[in-house]
Amino acid sequence: MEVKKVGLACDHAGFPLKQFVLTYLEKKGYPVEDFGTYSDQSVDYADFAHKLADAIESGDVYPGIGICGSGEGMAIALNKHQGVRAGLVWNTDIACLIRQHNDANCIVLPGRFIDNKTAEAILDKFFTASFEGGRHERRVQKIPVPTKE
């Protein structure tokens, strides 16, 4: 995967893992844009998911990483955007498959359910996996909701 600038977003439950991920990505030399939140004070995940999704859709960042407690709320909010293909990732097999089969441009990590070591392994796998195309290309092209005429 050719990284442009990694976009990060989280809620309060994802904040500790986001801080680790931010440091890890910077150590690896990836440019990062942090869309918040910036503390563990209670916030609404959707506010930060939409900022990240807008940046993905505009091409300002690629790929994106969202983090919340379970990962589910962040994934739901991110995927409301037509140009975002985000999936919940909790192990390296899923990190690989979401790139190979779904051409994901964003992953979501469940901050309360994975540790830093697992997050590292997931990120490494996600950043090195490639979209396989072929039969998967046709499926990915069907993801956006068709416009009604």
N, C-alpha and C. Protein backbone atom coordinates (compact mmCIF):
# COMPACT_ATOMS: atom_id res chain seq x y z
N MET A 1 0.85 -1.18 0.00
CA MET A 1 0.00 0.00 0.00
C MET A 1 0.89 1.23 0.00
N GLU A 2 0.57 2.14 -0.90
CA GLU A 2 1.28 3.41 -0.91
C GLU A 2 0.56 4.38 0.02
N VAL A 3 1.23 4.75 1.09
CA VAL A 3 0.64 5.62 2.10
C VAL A 3 0.86 7.07 1.71
N LYS A 4 -0.24 7.84 1.71
CA LYS A 4 -0.15 9.28 1.46
C LYS A 4 0.12 9.98 2.78
N LYS A 5 -0.86 9.97 3.64
CA LYS A 5 -0.78 10.47 5.01
C LYS A 5 -1.83 9.68 5.77
N VAL A 6 -1.46 9.09 6.88
CA VAL A 6 -2.40 8.29 7.66
C VAL A 6 -3.29 9.22 8.47
N GLY A 7 -4.60 9.02 8.36
CA GLY A 7 -5.55 9.77 9.16
C GLY A 7 -5.94 8.96 10.38
N LEU A 8 -5.97 9.60 11.54
CA LEU A 8 -6.34 8.93 12.79
C LEU A 8 -7.53 9.65 13.42
N ALA A 9 -8.45 8.86 13.97
CA ALA A 9 -9.57 9.44 14.72
C ALA A 9 -9.99 8.44 15.79
N CYS A 10 -10.45 8.98 16.92
CA CYS A 10 -10.90 8.11 18.01
C CYS A 10 -11.90 8.84 18.88
N ASP A 11 -12.53 8.07 19.76
CA ASP A 11 -13.32 8.67 20.84
C ASP A 11 -12.53 8.49 22.13
N HIS A 12 -13.14 8.81 23.25
CA HIS A 12 -12.44 8.73 24.54
C HIS A 12 -11.98 7.30 24.86
N ALA A 13 -12.79 6.30 24.51
CA ALA A 13 -12.41 4.91 24.80
C ALA A 13 -11.24 4.45 23.94
N GLY A 14 -11.09 5.03 22.77
CA GLY A 14 -10.00 4.69 21.89
C GLY A 14 -8.76 5.54 22.06
N PHE A 15 -8.85 6.56 22.91
CA PHE A 15 -7.75 7.51 23.04
C PHE A 15 -6.42 6.86 23.46
N PRO A 16 -6.38 6.00 24.48
CA PRO A 16 -5.08 5.41 24.84
C PRO A 16 -4.44 4.64 23.69
N LEU A 17 -5.22 3.84 22.97
CA LEU A 17 -4.66 3.10 21.85
C LEU A 17 -4.27 4.04 20.72
N LYS A 18 -5.04 5.08 20.49
CA LYS A 18 -4.69 6.04 19.44
C LYS A 18 -3.34 6.68 19.73
N GLN A 19 -3.08 7.01 20.98
CA GLN A 19 -1.79 7.61 21.34
C GLN A 19 -0.65 6.65 21.03
N PHE A 20 -0.85 5.38 21.32
CA PHE A 20 0.16 4.38 21.00
C PHE A 20 0.34 4.28 19.49
N VAL A 21 -0.77 4.19 18.75
CA VAL A 21 -0.72 4.06 17.29
C VAL A 21 -0.03 5.27 16.67
N LEU A 22 -0.33 6.46 17.15
CA LEU A 22 0.29 7.68 16.65
C LEU A 22 1.81 7.60 16.80
N THR A 23 2.28 7.23 17.97
CA THR A 23 3.71 7.11 18.22
C THR A 23 4.33 6.02 17.34
N TYR A 24 3.64 4.91 17.22
CA TYR A 24 4.14 3.80 16.41
C TYR A 24 4.27 4.20 14.94
N LEU A 25 3.26 4.86 14.40
CA LEU A 25 3.30 5.28 13.00
C LEU A 25 4.41 6.30 12.76
N GLU A 26 4.56 7.24 13.67
CA GLU A 26 5.62 8.23 13.53
C GLU A 26 7.00 7.57 13.58
N LYS A 27 7.15 6.58 14.46
CA LYS A 27 8.41 5.84 14.56
C LYS A 27 8.71 5.11 13.25
N LYS A 28 7.67 4.65 12.57
CA LYS A 28 7.83 3.94 11.30
C LYS A 28 8.04 4.90 10.13
N GLY A 29 7.90 6.21 10.39
CA GLY A 29 8.15 7.21 9.36
C GLY A 29 6.93 7.60 8.54
N TYR A 30 5.73 7.19 8.96
CA TYR A 30 4.52 7.55 8.24
C TYR A 30 4.06 8.96 8.64
N PRO A 31 3.72 9.80 7.68
CA PRO A 31 3.11 11.08 8.04
C PRO A 31 1.69 10.82 8.57
N VAL A 32 1.28 11.59 9.57
CA VAL A 32 0.01 11.34 10.24
C VAL A 32 -0.75 12.65 10.42
N GLU A 33 -2.07 12.58 10.23
CA GLU A 33 -2.95 13.68 10.60
C GLU A 33 -3.92 13.15 11.65
N ASP A 34 -3.94 13.80 12.79
CA ASP A 34 -4.75 13.38 13.93
C ASP A 34 -6.01 14.23 14.00
N PHE A 35 -7.16 13.60 13.82
CA PHE A 35 -8.44 14.30 13.83
C PHE A 35 -9.11 14.28 15.20
N GLY A 36 -8.40 13.82 16.21
CA GLY A 36 -8.94 13.80 17.56
C GLY A 36 -9.65 12.49 17.86
N THR A 37 -10.11 12.40 19.05
CA THR A 37 -10.12 13.32 20.14
C THR A 37 -8.73 13.39 20.76
N TYR A 38 -8.55 14.36 21.64
CA TYR A 38 -7.22 14.61 22.18
C TYR A 38 -7.12 14.38 23.68
N SER A 39 -8.10 13.67 24.24
CA SER A 39 -8.06 13.33 25.67
C SER A 39 -9.00 12.15 25.91
N ASP A 40 -9.05 11.72 27.15
CA ASP A 40 -9.96 10.62 27.50
C ASP A 40 -11.30 11.14 28.06
N GLN A 41 -11.58 12.42 27.86
CA GLN A 41 -12.87 12.99 28.26
C GLN A 41 -13.96 12.49 27.30
N SER A 42 -15.12 12.18 27.82
CA SER A 42 -16.21 11.60 27.04
C SER A 42 -16.60 12.48 25.85
N VAL A 43 -16.63 11.85 24.67
CA VAL A 43 -17.04 12.51 23.43
C VAL A 43 -17.87 11.53 22.61
N ASP A 44 -18.41 12.00 21.50
CA ASP A 44 -19.19 11.16 20.60
C ASP A 44 -18.32 10.73 19.41
N TYR A 45 -18.19 9.42 19.24
CA TYR A 45 -17.32 8.88 18.18
C TYR A 45 -17.65 9.42 16.80
N ALA A 46 -18.93 9.63 16.51
CA ALA A 46 -19.33 10.06 15.16
C ALA A 46 -18.71 11.40 14.78
N ASP A 47 -18.54 12.30 15.73
CA ASP A 47 -17.95 13.61 15.42
C ASP A 47 -16.56 13.46 14.81
N PHE A 48 -15.80 12.51 15.30
CA PHE A 48 -14.43 12.32 14.85
C PHE A 48 -14.37 11.39 13.64
N ALA A 49 -15.28 10.44 13.57
CA ALA A 49 -15.36 9.55 12.41
C ALA A 49 -15.65 10.36 11.15
N HIS A 50 -16.58 11.31 11.24
CA HIS A 50 -16.94 12.10 10.06
C HIS A 50 -15.78 12.98 9.59
N LYS A 51 -14.99 13.51 10.51
CA LYS A 51 -13.81 14.30 10.11
C LYS A 51 -12.82 13.43 9.34
N LEU A 52 -12.58 12.23 9.86
CA LEU A 52 -11.66 11.30 9.19
C LEU A 52 -12.23 10.89 7.83
N ALA A 53 -13.50 10.55 7.78
CA ALA A 53 -14.12 10.11 6.53
C ALA A 53 -14.06 11.21 5.47
N ASP A 54 -14.31 12.45 5.86
CA ASP A 54 -14.23 13.57 4.91
C ASP A 54 -12.82 13.66 4.31
N ALA A 55 -11.81 13.47 5.15
CA ALA A 55 -10.42 13.55 4.69
C ALA A 55 -10.07 12.39 3.76
N ILE A 56 -10.62 11.21 4.04
CA ILE A 56 -10.41 10.07 3.15
C ILE A 56 -11.07 10.34 1.80
N GLU A 57 -12.32 10.79 1.83
CA GLU A 57 -13.05 11.04 0.58
C GLU A 57 -12.41 12.14 -0.26
N SER A 58 -11.85 13.15 0.38
CA SER A 58 -11.23 14.25 -0.35
C SER A 58 -9.84 13.89 -0.87
N GLY A 59 -9.29 12.77 -0.38
CA GLY A 59 -7.95 12.38 -0.79
C GLY A 59 -6.84 13.00 0.04
N ASP A 60 -7.21 13.72 1.09
CA ASP A 60 -6.19 14.33 1.96
C ASP A 60 -5.41 13.29 2.74
N VAL A 61 -6.06 12.17 3.10
CA VAL A 61 -5.38 11.10 3.82
C VAL A 61 -5.67 9.76 3.15
N TYR A 62 -4.72 8.87 3.24
CA TYR A 62 -4.89 7.48 2.80
C TYR A 62 -3.76 6.69 3.41
N PRO A 63 -4.08 5.72 4.21
CA PRO A 63 -5.40 5.25 4.65
C PRO A 63 -5.83 5.95 5.93
N GLY A 64 -6.96 5.51 6.47
CA GLY A 64 -7.44 6.01 7.74
C GLY A 64 -7.47 4.90 8.78
N ILE A 65 -7.37 5.33 10.04
CA ILE A 65 -7.49 4.41 11.18
C ILE A 65 -8.43 5.04 12.18
N GLY A 66 -9.52 4.36 12.48
CA GLY A 66 -10.46 4.81 13.50
C GLY A 66 -10.38 3.88 14.70
N ILE A 67 -10.58 4.44 15.88
CA ILE A 67 -10.50 3.64 17.10
C ILE A 67 -11.59 4.10 18.07
N CYS A 68 -12.34 3.15 18.57
CA CYS A 68 -13.27 3.42 19.67
C CYS A 68 -13.29 2.18 20.55
N GLY A 69 -14.13 2.16 21.56
CA GLY A 69 -14.11 1.06 22.52
C GLY A 69 -14.26 -0.30 21.88
N SER A 70 -15.37 -0.51 21.20
CA SER A 70 -15.62 -1.80 20.54
C SER A 70 -15.19 -1.76 19.07
N GLY A 71 -15.05 -0.58 18.53
CA GLY A 71 -14.78 -0.40 17.11
C GLY A 71 -16.04 -0.31 16.27
N GLU A 72 -17.13 -0.79 16.79
CA GLU A 72 -18.37 -0.86 16.02
C GLU A 72 -18.94 0.52 15.68
N GLY A 73 -19.05 1.40 16.65
CA GLY A 73 -19.63 2.73 16.39
C GLY A 73 -18.82 3.50 15.37
N MET A 74 -17.52 3.48 15.52
CA MET A 74 -16.64 4.19 14.59
C MET A 74 -16.80 3.61 13.19
N ALA A 75 -16.85 2.28 13.07
CA ALA A 75 -17.01 1.64 11.75
C ALA A 75 -18.34 2.02 11.11
N ILE A 76 -19.40 2.01 11.90
CA ILE A 76 -20.72 2.36 11.37
C ILE A 76 -20.72 3.79 10.84
N ALA A 77 -20.19 4.72 11.63
CA ALA A 77 -20.17 6.13 11.22
C ALA A 77 -19.29 6.35 10.00
N LEU A 78 -18.12 5.74 9.97
CA LEU A 78 -17.22 5.89 8.82
C LEU A 78 -17.87 5.39 7.54
N ASN A 79 -18.55 4.26 7.63
CA ASN A 79 -19.13 3.65 6.44
C ASN A 79 -20.40 4.33 5.95
N LYS A 80 -20.88 5.35 6.63
CA LYS A 80 -21.98 6.16 6.10
C LYS A 80 -21.51 6.99 4.91
N HIS A 81 -20.22 7.16 4.78
CA HIS A 81 -19.63 7.94 3.70
C HIS A 81 -19.39 7.03 2.50
N GLN A 82 -19.87 7.45 1.33
CA GLN A 82 -19.79 6.63 0.13
C GLN A 82 -18.35 6.24 -0.26
N GLY A 83 -17.40 7.12 0.00
CA GLY A 83 -16.03 6.86 -0.43
C GLY A 83 -15.17 6.15 0.60
N VAL A 84 -15.78 5.66 1.66
CA VAL A 84 -15.01 4.98 2.72
C VAL A 84 -15.37 3.51 2.74
N ARG A 85 -14.33 2.69 2.82
CA ARG A 85 -14.50 1.24 3.02
C ARG A 85 -13.71 0.90 4.28
N ALA A 86 -14.41 0.95 5.40
CA ALA A 86 -13.79 0.71 6.71
C ALA A 86 -14.30 -0.60 7.28
N GLY A 87 -13.41 -1.31 7.95
CA GLY A 87 -13.81 -2.55 8.59
C GLY A 87 -13.14 -2.71 9.93
N LEU A 88 -13.84 -3.38 10.80
CA LEU A 88 -13.35 -3.68 12.14
C LEU A 88 -12.28 -4.77 12.06
N VAL A 89 -11.13 -4.50 12.63
CA VAL A 89 -10.00 -5.43 12.56
C VAL A 89 -9.50 -5.73 13.97
N TRP A 90 -9.44 -7.02 14.30
CA TRP A 90 -8.99 -7.43 15.63
C TRP A 90 -7.85 -8.43 15.58
N ASN A 91 -7.45 -8.86 14.36
CA ASN A 91 -6.29 -9.75 14.25
C ASN A 91 -5.64 -9.56 12.88
N THR A 92 -4.49 -10.17 12.69
CA THR A 92 -3.72 -9.95 11.45
C THR A 92 -4.38 -10.60 10.24
N ASP A 93 -5.08 -11.70 10.42
CA ASP A 93 -5.76 -12.33 9.28
C ASP A 93 -6.80 -11.39 8.69
N ILE A 94 -7.59 -10.76 9.56
CA ILE A 94 -8.61 -9.81 9.09
C ILE A 94 -7.94 -8.59 8.45
N ALA A 95 -6.84 -8.12 9.04
CA ALA A 95 -6.12 -6.96 8.49
C ALA A 95 -5.66 -7.24 7.06
N CYS A 96 -5.21 -8.43 6.82
CA CYS A 96 -4.76 -8.82 5.48
C CYS A 96 -5.94 -8.95 4.52
N LEU A 97 -6.97 -9.66 4.94
CA LEU A 97 -8.11 -9.91 4.07
C LEU A 97 -8.89 -8.64 3.71
N ILE A 98 -8.97 -7.72 4.65
CA ILE A 98 -9.73 -6.50 4.37
C ILE A 98 -9.05 -5.67 3.27
N ARG A 99 -7.74 -5.79 3.15
CA ARG A 99 -7.03 -5.15 2.03
C ARG A 99 -7.14 -6.00 0.78
N GLN A 100 -6.86 -7.29 0.89
CA GLN A 100 -6.83 -8.16 -0.29
C GLN A 100 -8.19 -8.26 -0.98
N HIS A 101 -9.25 -8.39 -0.21
CA HIS A 101 -10.57 -8.67 -0.78
C HIS A 101 -11.49 -7.45 -0.85
N ASN A 102 -11.31 -6.47 0.02
CA ASN A 102 -12.24 -5.35 0.09
C ASN A 102 -11.61 -4.01 -0.27
N ASP A 103 -10.32 -3.99 -0.54
CA ASP A 103 -9.60 -2.75 -0.85
C ASP A 103 -9.92 -1.67 0.17
N ALA A 104 -9.93 -2.05 1.44
CA ALA A 104 -10.25 -1.12 2.52
C ALA A 104 -9.31 0.07 2.50
N ASN A 105 -9.89 1.26 2.67
CA ASN A 105 -9.08 2.46 2.78
C ASN A 105 -9.07 2.99 4.22
N CYS A 106 -9.64 2.20 5.12
CA CYS A 106 -9.68 2.57 6.53
C CYS A 106 -9.88 1.30 7.36
N ILE A 107 -9.18 1.22 8.46
CA ILE A 107 -9.44 0.14 9.41
C ILE A 107 -9.91 0.74 10.72
N VAL A 108 -10.63 -0.06 11.47
CA VAL A 108 -11.11 0.36 12.77
C VAL A 108 -10.62 -0.65 13.80
N LEU A 109 -10.02 -0.13 14.86
CA LEU A 109 -9.48 -0.97 15.93
C LEU A 109 -10.37 -0.86 17.17
N PRO A 110 -10.63 -1.99 17.82
CA PRO A 110 -11.43 -1.99 19.05
C PRO A 110 -10.53 -1.73 20.26
N GLY A 111 -10.45 -0.48 20.68
CA GLY A 111 -9.50 -0.06 21.71
C GLY A 111 -9.59 -0.80 23.03
N ARG A 112 -10.75 -1.27 23.39
CA ARG A 112 -10.90 -1.98 24.66
C ARG A 112 -10.62 -3.47 24.55
N PHE A 113 -10.35 -3.96 23.34
CA PHE A 113 -10.25 -5.41 23.15
C PHE A 113 -8.95 -5.90 22.54
N ILE A 114 -8.06 -4.99 22.16
CA ILE A 114 -6.74 -5.43 21.68
C ILE A 114 -5.66 -4.67 22.42
N ASP A 115 -4.50 -5.30 22.55
CA ASP A 115 -3.39 -4.65 23.22
C ASP A 115 -2.46 -4.00 22.19
N ASN A 116 -1.46 -3.29 22.67
CA ASN A 116 -0.54 -2.57 21.79
C ASN A 116 0.21 -3.51 20.84
N LYS A 117 0.63 -4.65 21.33
CA LYS A 117 1.37 -5.60 20.50
C LYS A 117 0.49 -6.09 19.35
N THR A 118 -0.76 -6.38 19.64
CA THR A 118 -1.69 -6.81 18.59
C THR A 118 -1.93 -5.68 17.61
N ALA A 119 -2.07 -4.45 18.10
CA ALA A 119 -2.26 -3.30 17.21
C ALA A 119 -1.08 -3.15 16.26
N GLU A 120 0.14 -3.30 16.76
CA GLU A 120 1.34 -3.23 15.92
C GLU A 120 1.28 -4.26 14.80
N ALA A 121 0.97 -5.49 15.17
CA ALA A 121 0.92 -6.57 14.18
C ALA A 121 -0.17 -6.31 13.14
N ILE A 122 -1.31 -5.81 13.57
CA ILE A 122 -2.40 -5.48 12.65
C ILE A 122 -1.96 -4.39 11.67
N LEU A 123 -1.37 -3.34 12.19
CA LEU A 123 -0.94 -2.23 11.34
C LEU A 123 0.11 -2.69 10.33
N ASP A 124 1.07 -3.46 10.79
CA ASP A 124 2.10 -3.96 9.88
C ASP A 124 1.49 -4.78 8.75
N LYS A 125 0.55 -5.63 9.08
CA LYS A 125 -0.09 -6.48 8.07
C LYS A 125 -0.93 -5.64 7.11
N PHE A 126 -1.71 -4.71 7.66
CA PHE A 126 -2.57 -3.85 6.84
C PHE A 126 -1.73 -3.04 5.85
N PHE A 127 -0.63 -2.46 6.31
CA PHE A 127 0.19 -1.61 5.46
C PHE A 127 0.98 -2.39 4.41
N THR A 128 1.15 -3.68 4.59
CA THR A 128 1.92 -4.46 3.62
C THR A 128 1.05 -5.30 2.69
N ALA A 129 -0.23 -5.45 3.00
CA ALA A 129 -1.13 -6.22 2.15
C ALA A 129 -1.55 -5.39 0.94
N SER A 130 -1.89 -6.07 -0.14
CA SER A 130 -2.31 -5.40 -1.38
C SER A 130 -3.66 -5.95 -1.84
N PHE A 131 -4.41 -5.09 -2.48
CA PHE A 131 -5.68 -5.48 -3.07
C PHE A 131 -5.42 -6.47 -4.19
N GLU A 132 -6.14 -7.58 -4.20
CA GLU A 132 -5.95 -8.62 -5.20
C GLU A 132 -6.65 -8.32 -6.52
N GLY A 133 -7.64 -7.43 -6.50
CA GLY A 133 -8.36 -7.15 -7.73
C GLY A 133 -9.15 -8.38 -8.19
N GLY A 134 -9.15 -8.62 -9.50
CA GLY A 134 -9.85 -9.78 -10.04
C GLY A 134 -11.32 -9.79 -9.65
N ARG A 135 -11.79 -10.94 -9.19
CA ARG A 135 -13.20 -11.08 -8.82
C ARG A 135 -13.60 -10.11 -7.71
N HIS A 136 -12.64 -9.69 -6.90
CA HIS A 136 -12.93 -8.76 -5.81
C HIS A 136 -13.22 -7.35 -6.32
N GLU A 137 -12.63 -6.98 -7.44
CA GLU A 137 -12.85 -5.66 -8.02
C GLU A 137 -14.33 -5.44 -8.32
N ARG A 138 -14.95 -6.41 -8.93
CA ARG A 138 -16.38 -6.31 -9.25
C ARG A 138 -17.21 -6.11 -7.99
N ARG A 139 -16.86 -6.80 -6.95
CA ARG A 139 -17.61 -6.70 -5.68
C ARG A 139 -17.41 -5.34 -5.03
N VAL A 140 -16.19 -4.86 -5.02
CA VAL A 140 -15.90 -3.55 -4.43
C VAL A 140 -16.64 -2.45 -5.18
N GLN A 141 -16.73 -2.58 -6.49
CA GLN A 141 -17.44 -1.57 -7.29
C GLN A 141 -18.93 -1.52 -6.96
N LYS A 142 -19.47 -2.58 -6.38
CA LYS A 142 -20.89 -2.62 -6.02
C LYS A 142 -21.18 -2.08 -4.62
N ILE A 143 -20.18 -1.68 -3.88
CA ILE A 143 -20.38 -1.22 -2.51
C ILE A 143 -21.14 0.11 -2.42
N PRO A 144 -20.76 1.14 -3.18
CA PRO A 144 -21.51 2.40 -3.04
C PRO A 144 -22.99 2.21 -3.37
N VAL A 145 -23.83 2.91 -2.64
CA VAL A 145 -25.25 2.84 -2.88
C VAL A 145 -25.55 3.48 -4.23
N PRO A 146 -26.23 2.74 -5.12
CA PRO A 146 -26.53 3.33 -6.44
C PRO A 146 -27.44 4.55 -6.31
N THR A 147 -27.23 5.50 -7.19
CA THR A 147 -28.11 6.67 -7.20
C THR A 147 -29.44 6.28 -7.83
N LYS A 148 -30.52 6.85 -7.33
CA LYS A 148 -31.86 6.56 -7.86
C LYS A 148 -32.19 7.59 -8.91
N GLU A 149 -32.69 7.11 -10.01
CA GLU A 149 -33.04 8.03 -11.10
C GLU A 149 -34.52 8.13 -11.27
